[in-house]
N, C-alpha and C. Protein backbone atom coordinates (compact mmCIF):
# COMPACT_ATOMS: atom_id res chain seq x y z
N MET A 1 -11.73 8.71 -16.43
CA MET A 1 -11.28 7.20 -16.44
C MET A 1 -9.94 7.26 -15.25
N GLU A 2 -10.24 6.26 -14.52
CA GLU A 2 -9.58 5.84 -13.37
C GLU A 2 -8.40 5.11 -13.85
N GLN A 3 -7.55 5.15 -13.59
CA GLN A 3 -6.00 4.48 -13.70
C GLN A 3 -5.88 3.27 -13.53
N SER A 4 -5.22 2.60 -14.09
CA SER A 4 -5.42 0.94 -13.60
C SER A 4 -4.38 1.08 -12.98
N ILE A 5 -4.48 -0.55 -12.13
CA ILE A 5 -3.16 -0.59 -11.43
C ILE A 5 -1.79 -0.80 -11.90
N ASN A 6 -1.67 -1.71 -13.21
CA ASN A 6 -0.80 -1.04 -13.61
C ASN A 6 -0.63 0.24 -14.50
N GLN A 7 -1.15 0.92 -14.99
CA GLN A 7 -1.12 2.70 -14.92
C GLN A 7 -0.19 3.63 -13.97
N ILE A 8 -1.21 3.08 -12.50
CA ILE A 8 0.18 3.81 -11.46
C ILE A 8 0.95 3.38 -11.44
N GLN A 9 1.74 1.75 -11.40
CA GLN A 9 3.07 1.43 -11.12
C GLN A 9 3.58 1.88 -12.09
N ASP A 10 3.32 2.60 -13.63
CA ASP A 10 4.08 2.42 -14.19
C ASP A 10 4.48 4.02 -14.01
N GLU A 11 3.63 4.68 -13.96
CA GLU A 11 3.72 6.34 -12.84
C GLU A 11 4.97 6.10 -11.46
N ILE A 12 4.41 5.42 -11.15
CA ILE A 12 5.92 5.35 -9.61
C ILE A 12 7.21 4.42 -10.36
N VAL A 13 7.27 4.05 -11.16
CA VAL A 13 8.10 3.59 -11.75
C VAL A 13 8.87 4.89 -12.52
N GLU A 14 8.09 5.48 -13.29
CA GLU A 14 8.50 6.63 -13.86
C GLU A 14 9.22 7.65 -12.41
N GLU A 15 8.41 7.77 -11.57
CA GLU A 15 8.72 8.92 -10.47
C GLU A 15 9.85 8.87 -10.31
N PHE A 16 10.45 7.51 -9.91
CA PHE A 16 11.27 7.01 -9.03
C PHE A 16 12.63 6.91 -10.06
N ALA A 17 12.18 7.13 -11.31
CA ALA A 17 13.82 7.22 -12.40
C ALA A 17 14.39 8.44 -12.86
N PHE A 18 13.58 9.27 -12.05
CA PHE A 18 14.27 11.22 -11.64
C PHE A 18 15.71 10.79 -10.99
N PHE A 19 15.25 9.94 -9.93
CA PHE A 19 16.05 10.34 -8.53
C PHE A 19 17.38 9.41 -8.87
N SER A 20 18.43 9.85 -8.98
CA SER A 20 20.06 9.15 -8.80
C SER A 20 20.23 7.92 -7.46
N GLU A 21 20.09 9.05 -6.62
CA GLU A 21 20.28 8.37 -5.22
C GLU A 21 19.46 8.00 -4.58
N TRP A 22 19.71 6.79 -3.96
CA TRP A 22 18.76 6.24 -3.19
C TRP A 22 18.20 7.06 -1.69
N MET A 23 18.87 8.09 -1.53
CA MET A 23 18.50 9.06 -0.65
C MET A 23 17.61 9.60 -1.03
N GLU A 24 17.82 10.22 -1.87
CA GLU A 24 16.81 11.11 -2.87
C GLU A 24 15.11 9.93 -2.67
N LYS A 25 15.43 9.10 -2.92
CA LYS A 25 14.48 8.02 -3.46
C LYS A 25 13.18 7.73 -2.39
N TYR A 26 14.35 7.69 -0.71
CA TYR A 26 13.97 7.58 0.49
C TYR A 26 12.89 8.65 1.13
N GLU A 27 13.18 10.09 0.31
CA GLU A 27 13.00 11.32 0.43
C GLU A 27 11.68 11.52 0.14
N HIS A 28 11.49 10.41 -1.04
CA HIS A 28 10.35 10.59 -2.21
C HIS A 28 9.22 9.39 -1.32
N ILE A 29 9.47 8.96 -0.79
CA ILE A 29 8.52 7.25 -0.01
C ILE A 29 8.76 8.48 1.11
N ILE A 30 9.20 8.90 1.62
CA ILE A 30 9.08 10.10 2.57
C ILE A 30 7.32 11.16 2.60
N GLU A 31 7.81 11.30 1.85
CA GLU A 31 6.43 12.71 0.94
C GLU A 31 5.52 11.66 1.06
N PHE A 32 5.47 10.16 0.56
CA PHE A 32 4.26 9.83 0.01
C PHE A 32 3.66 9.39 1.57
N GLY A 33 4.43 9.54 2.81
CA GLY A 33 3.93 9.75 4.43
C GLY A 33 3.46 10.55 4.51
N LYS A 34 3.99 11.81 4.34
CA LYS A 34 3.50 12.59 4.58
C LYS A 34 2.06 13.47 4.26
N GLU A 35 2.25 12.91 2.80
CA GLU A 35 0.50 13.35 1.90
C GLU A 35 -0.42 12.20 2.70
N LEU A 36 -0.31 11.50 3.37
CA LEU A 36 -1.13 10.00 3.37
C LEU A 36 -2.14 10.55 4.45
N PRO A 37 -3.05 11.05 4.28
CA PRO A 37 -3.94 11.52 5.47
C PRO A 37 -3.82 10.53 6.66
N GLY A 38 -4.09 10.94 8.12
CA GLY A 38 -4.23 10.37 9.26
C GLY A 38 -5.18 9.35 8.75
N LEU A 39 -4.76 8.35 10.22
CA LEU A 39 -6.28 7.51 9.82
C LEU A 39 -7.41 8.14 11.28
N ASN A 40 -8.48 7.39 10.82
CA ASN A 40 -9.34 8.54 12.59
C ASN A 40 -8.58 7.40 13.45
N GLU A 41 -9.23 8.15 14.70
CA GLU A 41 -7.89 6.94 15.88
C GLU A 41 -9.10 6.05 16.35
N SER A 42 -10.24 5.64 15.97
CA SER A 42 -10.53 4.57 16.05
C SER A 42 -10.89 3.78 15.27
N LEU A 43 -10.01 4.11 14.15
CA LEU A 43 -9.62 2.58 13.36
C LEU A 43 -8.46 2.28 13.67
N LYS A 44 -7.52 2.62 14.58
CA LYS A 44 -6.06 2.28 14.80
C LYS A 44 -6.36 1.25 16.21
N ASN A 45 -7.17 -0.11 15.50
CA ASN A 45 -7.65 -1.05 16.09
C ASN A 45 -6.63 -2.40 16.04
N GLU A 46 -7.24 -3.88 16.73
CA GLU A 46 -6.41 -4.25 16.68
C GLU A 46 -6.38 -5.12 15.67
N ASP A 47 -8.12 -5.21 14.71
CA ASP A 47 -8.22 -5.83 13.31
C ASP A 47 -7.38 -4.94 12.52
N ASN A 48 -7.09 -3.58 12.33
CA ASN A 48 -6.38 -3.21 11.36
C ASN A 48 -4.85 -3.07 11.56
N LEU A 49 -4.35 -3.44 12.78
CA LEU A 49 -3.56 -3.50 12.87
C LEU A 49 -2.59 -4.30 11.45
N VAL A 50 -1.53 -4.25 10.96
CA VAL A 50 -1.01 -5.21 10.48
C VAL A 50 0.48 -6.03 10.96
N LYS A 51 0.03 -7.56 11.11
CA LYS A 51 1.03 -8.09 11.80
C LYS A 51 1.89 -8.27 11.01
N GLY A 52 3.48 -8.88 11.38
CA GLY A 52 4.31 -9.06 10.67
C GLY A 52 5.43 -7.37 10.47
N CYS A 53 4.73 -6.28 11.10
CA CYS A 53 5.54 -4.81 10.51
C CYS A 53 6.06 -4.74 12.44
N GLN A 54 7.79 -4.33 11.73
CA GLN A 54 8.30 -3.78 13.25
C GLN A 54 7.42 -2.43 14.13
N SER A 55 7.16 -1.24 12.86
CA SER A 55 6.67 -0.25 13.29
C SER A 55 4.84 -0.53 13.98
N ARG A 56 4.44 0.06 14.02
CA ARG A 56 2.94 -0.59 14.24
C ARG A 56 2.31 0.81 12.80
N VAL A 57 1.59 -0.42 12.24
CA VAL A 57 0.64 0.21 11.03
C VAL A 57 -0.87 -0.35 11.28
N TRP A 58 -1.18 0.42 10.45
CA TRP A 58 -2.61 0.40 10.75
C TRP A 58 -3.25 0.73 9.21
N LEU A 59 -4.06 -0.16 8.85
CA LEU A 59 -5.12 -0.62 7.12
C LEU A 59 -6.11 -0.62 7.69
N HIS A 60 -6.69 -0.29 6.86
CA HIS A 60 -8.63 -0.06 6.71
C HIS A 60 -8.83 -0.23 5.82
N ALA A 61 -10.21 -1.08 5.28
CA ALA A 61 -10.43 -1.11 4.06
C ALA A 61 -12.45 -0.87 3.89
N GLU A 62 -12.60 -0.34 3.03
CA GLU A 62 -14.13 -0.01 2.90
C GLU A 62 -14.92 -0.19 1.45
N LYS A 63 -15.49 -1.12 1.08
CA LYS A 63 -16.19 -0.55 -0.35
C LYS A 63 -16.96 0.05 -0.18
N ILE A 64 -16.67 1.10 -1.31
CA ILE A 64 -17.82 2.02 -1.44
C ILE A 64 -17.41 1.67 -3.47
N ASP A 65 -19.05 1.13 -3.66
CA ASP A 65 -18.95 1.31 -4.86
C ASP A 65 -19.01 -0.23 -5.06
N GLN A 66 -18.18 -0.48 -6.34
CA GLN A 66 -17.36 -1.46 -6.39
C GLN A 66 -16.18 -1.91 -6.32
N ASN A 67 -15.62 -0.59 -5.74
CA ASN A 67 -14.31 -0.70 -6.04
C ASN A 67 -14.03 -0.52 -3.84
N LEU A 68 -12.40 -0.91 -3.46
CA LEU A 68 -11.82 -0.71 -2.29
C LEU A 68 -11.44 0.49 -1.90
N LEU A 69 -11.88 0.84 -1.57
CA LEU A 69 -10.86 2.57 -0.39
C LEU A 69 -10.09 1.55 0.31
N PHE A 70 -8.72 2.20 0.57
CA PHE A 70 -7.68 1.86 1.82
C PHE A 70 -7.10 3.14 2.22
N SER A 71 -7.37 2.64 3.90
CA SER A 71 -7.14 3.89 4.22
C SER A 71 -5.58 4.03 5.41
N ALA A 72 -4.61 4.38 5.61
CA ALA A 72 -3.66 3.90 6.64
C ALA A 72 -2.90 4.50 7.57
N ASP A 73 -2.14 4.41 8.44
CA ASP A 73 -1.19 5.03 9.08
C ASP A 73 0.13 4.41 9.78
N SER A 74 0.95 5.10 10.14
CA SER A 74 2.03 4.22 10.68
C SER A 74 2.52 5.15 11.43
N ASP A 75 3.27 4.77 12.43
CA ASP A 75 4.04 5.84 13.55
C ASP A 75 5.41 5.85 13.49
N ALA A 76 6.04 5.38 12.06
CA ALA A 76 7.38 5.17 11.93
C ALA A 76 6.92 6.03 9.94
N ILE A 77 8.04 7.00 9.80
CA ILE A 77 7.42 7.59 8.54
C ILE A 77 7.96 7.92 7.07
N ILE A 78 9.09 6.69 7.58
CA ILE A 78 9.12 5.39 6.53
C ILE A 78 8.51 4.82 6.03
N THR A 79 8.19 3.98 6.87
CA THR A 79 6.70 3.17 7.26
C THR A 79 5.26 3.27 6.60
N LYS A 80 5.26 4.47 7.02
CA LYS A 80 3.96 5.25 6.50
C LYS A 80 3.92 5.82 4.94
N GLY A 81 5.29 5.87 4.65
CA GLY A 81 5.32 6.22 3.03
C GLY A 81 5.57 5.12 2.37
N LEU A 82 5.64 3.72 3.06
CA LEU A 82 5.77 3.23 1.99
C LEU A 82 4.30 2.39 2.00
N VAL A 83 3.53 2.85 3.22
CA VAL A 83 2.03 1.72 2.69
C VAL A 83 1.17 2.95 2.58
N GLY A 84 1.56 4.60 2.15
CA GLY A 84 1.13 5.61 1.27
C GLY A 84 1.36 5.47 -0.22
N LEU A 85 1.94 4.41 -0.45
CA LEU A 85 2.56 3.75 -1.68
C LEU A 85 1.61 3.34 -2.38
N MET A 86 0.88 1.44 -1.37
CA MET A 86 0.73 0.90 -1.24
C MET A 86 -0.90 1.28 -1.98
N VAL A 87 -1.71 2.23 -0.52
CA VAL A 87 -2.26 2.18 -0.69
C VAL A 87 -2.71 3.74 -2.24
N ARG A 88 -1.57 4.12 -2.27
CA ARG A 88 -1.68 5.15 -4.18
C ARG A 88 -1.98 4.22 -5.28
N VAL A 89 -1.54 2.75 -5.45
CA VAL A 89 -1.15 1.86 -6.15
C VAL A 89 -2.77 0.98 -6.00
N LEU A 90 -2.97 0.70 -5.07
CA LEU A 90 -4.39 -0.31 -4.68
C LEU A 90 -5.43 0.50 -4.41
N SER A 91 -5.75 1.50 -3.92
CA SER A 91 -7.21 2.00 -3.54
C SER A 91 -7.99 2.13 -4.64
N ASN A 92 -9.30 2.28 -4.41
CA ASN A 92 -10.31 2.92 -5.82
C ASN A 92 -10.13 1.75 -6.95
N HIS A 93 -9.78 0.38 -6.85
CA HIS A 93 -9.90 -0.61 -7.45
C HIS A 93 -10.46 -1.74 -6.94
N THR A 94 -11.52 -2.26 -7.94
CA THR A 94 -12.25 -4.00 -7.51
C THR A 94 -11.07 -4.61 -6.60
N PRO A 95 -12.45 -5.47 -5.71
CA PRO A 95 -11.34 -6.43 -5.23
C PRO A 95 -10.56 -7.62 -6.03
N GLN A 96 -11.70 -7.87 -7.19
CA GLN A 96 -10.70 -8.75 -7.81
C GLN A 96 -9.29 -8.22 -8.48
N GLU A 97 -9.32 -7.09 -9.45
CA GLU A 97 -8.04 -6.95 -9.34
C GLU A 97 -7.06 -6.57 -8.73
N ILE A 98 -7.16 -6.33 -7.00
CA ILE A 98 -6.53 -6.33 -6.03
C ILE A 98 -5.92 -7.28 -5.59
N ALA A 99 -6.83 -8.23 -5.70
CA ALA A 99 -6.25 -10.25 -5.81
C ALA A 99 -5.72 -10.58 -6.64
N GLU A 100 -5.76 -10.03 -7.78
CA GLU A 100 -5.39 -10.82 -8.99
C GLU A 100 -3.98 -10.11 -9.78
N CYS A 101 -3.34 -9.10 -8.91
CA CYS A 101 -2.31 -8.08 -9.55
C CYS A 101 -1.18 -8.03 -9.17
N ASP A 102 -0.07 -7.93 -9.93
CA ASP A 102 1.11 -8.63 -10.14
C ASP A 102 1.94 -7.18 -9.63
N LEU A 103 2.20 -6.97 -8.21
CA LEU A 103 2.96 -5.53 -7.93
C LEU A 103 4.21 -6.08 -8.48
N TYR A 104 4.91 -5.23 -9.49
CA TYR A 104 5.93 -5.46 -9.99
C TYR A 104 6.67 -4.11 -10.03
N PHE A 105 6.36 -2.74 -9.85
CA PHE A 105 6.73 -1.75 -9.59
C PHE A 105 7.92 -1.60 -8.46
N ILE A 106 7.64 -2.46 -7.35
CA ILE A 106 8.30 -2.65 -6.28
C ILE A 106 9.96 -3.43 -6.68
N ASP A 107 9.86 -4.38 -7.64
CA ASP A 107 11.16 -4.49 -7.99
C ASP A 107 11.74 -3.53 -8.54
N LYS A 108 10.94 -3.08 -9.22
CA LYS A 108 11.62 -2.08 -11.04
C LYS A 108 11.81 -1.19 -9.85
N ILE A 109 11.50 -0.68 -8.77
CA ILE A 109 12.12 1.27 -8.40
C ILE A 109 13.56 0.48 -7.46
N GLY A 110 13.51 -0.76 -7.32
CA GLY A 110 14.45 -1.33 -6.64
C GLY A 110 14.63 -1.26 -4.71
N LEU A 111 13.12 -1.24 -4.94
CA LEU A 111 12.67 -1.30 -3.57
C LEU A 111 12.99 -2.17 -2.48
N LYS A 112 13.09 -3.68 -3.48
CA LYS A 112 13.42 -5.11 -2.32
C LYS A 112 14.91 -4.70 -2.05
N ASP A 113 15.30 -4.53 -2.65
CA ASP A 113 17.12 -3.91 -2.59
C ASP A 113 17.42 -3.30 -1.62
N HIS A 114 16.52 -2.51 -1.55
CA HIS A 114 17.10 -1.36 -0.55
C HIS A 114 16.47 -1.73 0.92
N LEU A 115 15.61 -2.03 1.05
CA LEU A 115 14.80 -2.26 2.63
C LEU A 115 15.96 -2.79 3.23
N SER A 116 15.59 -2.81 4.40
CA SER A 116 15.76 -3.40 5.40
C SER A 116 15.32 -5.09 5.68
N PRO A 117 15.62 -5.87 5.75
CA PRO A 117 14.65 -7.23 5.70
C PRO A 117 13.62 -7.00 6.98
N ASN A 118 13.24 -6.45 7.83
CA ASN A 118 12.14 -5.84 8.20
C ASN A 118 11.64 -5.35 8.11
N ARG A 119 11.90 -4.26 7.10
CA ARG A 119 11.05 -3.04 6.63
C ARG A 119 10.23 -4.00 5.40
N ALA A 120 11.32 -5.04 4.61
CA ALA A 120 11.20 -5.92 3.27
C ALA A 120 9.83 -6.50 3.36
N ASN A 121 10.13 -7.66 5.33
CA ASN A 121 8.48 -8.12 5.99
C ASN A 121 7.79 -7.45 5.94
N GLY A 122 7.78 -6.24 6.84
CA GLY A 122 6.82 -5.49 6.52
C GLY A 122 5.71 -4.64 5.60
N LEU A 123 6.59 -4.38 4.49
CA LEU A 123 5.97 -4.20 3.11
C LEU A 123 4.56 -5.59 2.48
N ALA A 124 5.44 -6.66 2.92
CA ALA A 124 4.88 -7.79 2.02
C ALA A 124 3.69 -8.31 2.95
N SER A 125 4.01 -7.98 4.13
CA SER A 125 2.89 -7.67 5.06
C SER A 125 1.44 -7.12 5.25
N MET A 126 1.98 -5.86 4.41
CA MET A 126 0.61 -4.34 4.19
C MET A 126 0.02 -5.24 2.94
N ILE A 127 0.81 -5.94 1.96
CA ILE A 127 0.57 -6.27 0.59
C ILE A 127 -0.47 -7.68 0.94
N LYS A 128 -0.40 -8.33 1.74
CA LYS A 128 -0.52 -9.54 2.19
C LYS A 128 -2.17 -8.78 2.80
N LYS A 129 -1.93 -8.06 3.53
CA LYS A 129 -3.45 -7.45 4.40
C LYS A 129 -4.39 -6.80 2.80
N MET A 130 -3.75 -6.70 2.42
CA MET A 130 -4.70 -5.91 1.52
C MET A 130 -5.34 -6.80 0.33
N LYS A 131 -4.34 -7.68 0.15
CA LYS A 131 -5.02 -8.89 -0.98
C LYS A 131 -6.04 -9.47 0.15
N LEU A 132 -5.45 -9.73 0.96
CA LEU A 132 -6.71 -10.44 2.35
C LEU A 132 -8.22 -9.84 2.34
N PHE A 133 -7.97 -8.92 2.01
CA PHE A 133 -9.06 -7.20 2.48
C PHE A 133 -9.88 -7.38 0.89
N ALA A 134 -8.93 -7.67 0.10
CA ALA A 134 -9.86 -7.61 -1.73
C ALA A 134 -9.99 -9.09 -1.33
N ILE A 135 -9.82 -10.50 -1.31
CA ILE A 135 -10.38 -11.84 -1.54
C ILE A 135 -11.68 -11.28 -0.10
N ALA A 136 -11.44 -11.45 0.55
CA ALA A 136 -12.41 -11.16 1.66
C ALA A 136 -14.10 -10.74 1.27
N TYR A 137 -14.07 -9.38 0.21
CA TYR A 137 -14.56 -8.57 0.00
C TYR A 137 -15.06 -9.64 -0.91
N MET A 138 -14.35 -9.82 -2.23
CA MET A 138 -14.72 -10.72 -3.47
C MET A 138 -15.89 -12.20 -2.77
N ALA A 139 -14.78 -12.77 -1.70
CA ALA A 139 -16.25 -13.64 -0.86
C ALA A 139 -17.54 -13.68 -0.53
N LYS A 140 -17.62 -12.23 0.63
CA LYS A 140 -18.77 -11.59 0.93
C LYS A 140 -19.77 -11.17 -0.40
N THR A 141 -19.15 -10.97 -1.53
CA THR A 141 -20.26 -10.39 -2.72
C THR A 141 -20.36 -11.69 -3.62
N ASP A 142 -19.81 -12.99 -3.30
CA ASP A 142 -20.40 -14.54 -3.89
C ASP A 142 -21.60 -14.87 -2.86
N LYS A 143 -21.34 -14.74 -2.00
CA LYS A 143 -22.64 -15.37 -1.46
C LYS A 143 -23.88 -14.23 -1.09
N THR A 144 -23.94 -12.78 -2.03
CA THR A 144 -25.34 -12.36 -2.14
C THR A 144 -25.55 -12.02 -3.19
């Protein structure tokens, strides 16, 4: 059975609890970036570019069965790790679950307090784009 968005968030909170130093947490975030499969070059286009990120971040969504699958890439390693975290949490859930979820793990792991304002804005932009993808797919489903 698939994990819920909250189960995945709880898992991430537990993982980050193992690290006492923020440098270790950053290294863990960088690992998410390294594990994220790159995005096909054809998907690195203007439509998939996340506006509001200092680094270049591409986010792609496709609906498979009832779920949205996200893929992403970035030219900056920490940003790639952040988008990798978001893909892990939100990918493979229904558009409604994604649109309505409360992403509490960001506060619980202390991410908001330890990101530069530019990175925090970028993370907010990633989340906004992922939720907008979900809302757009919900609207398409309503019309069919």
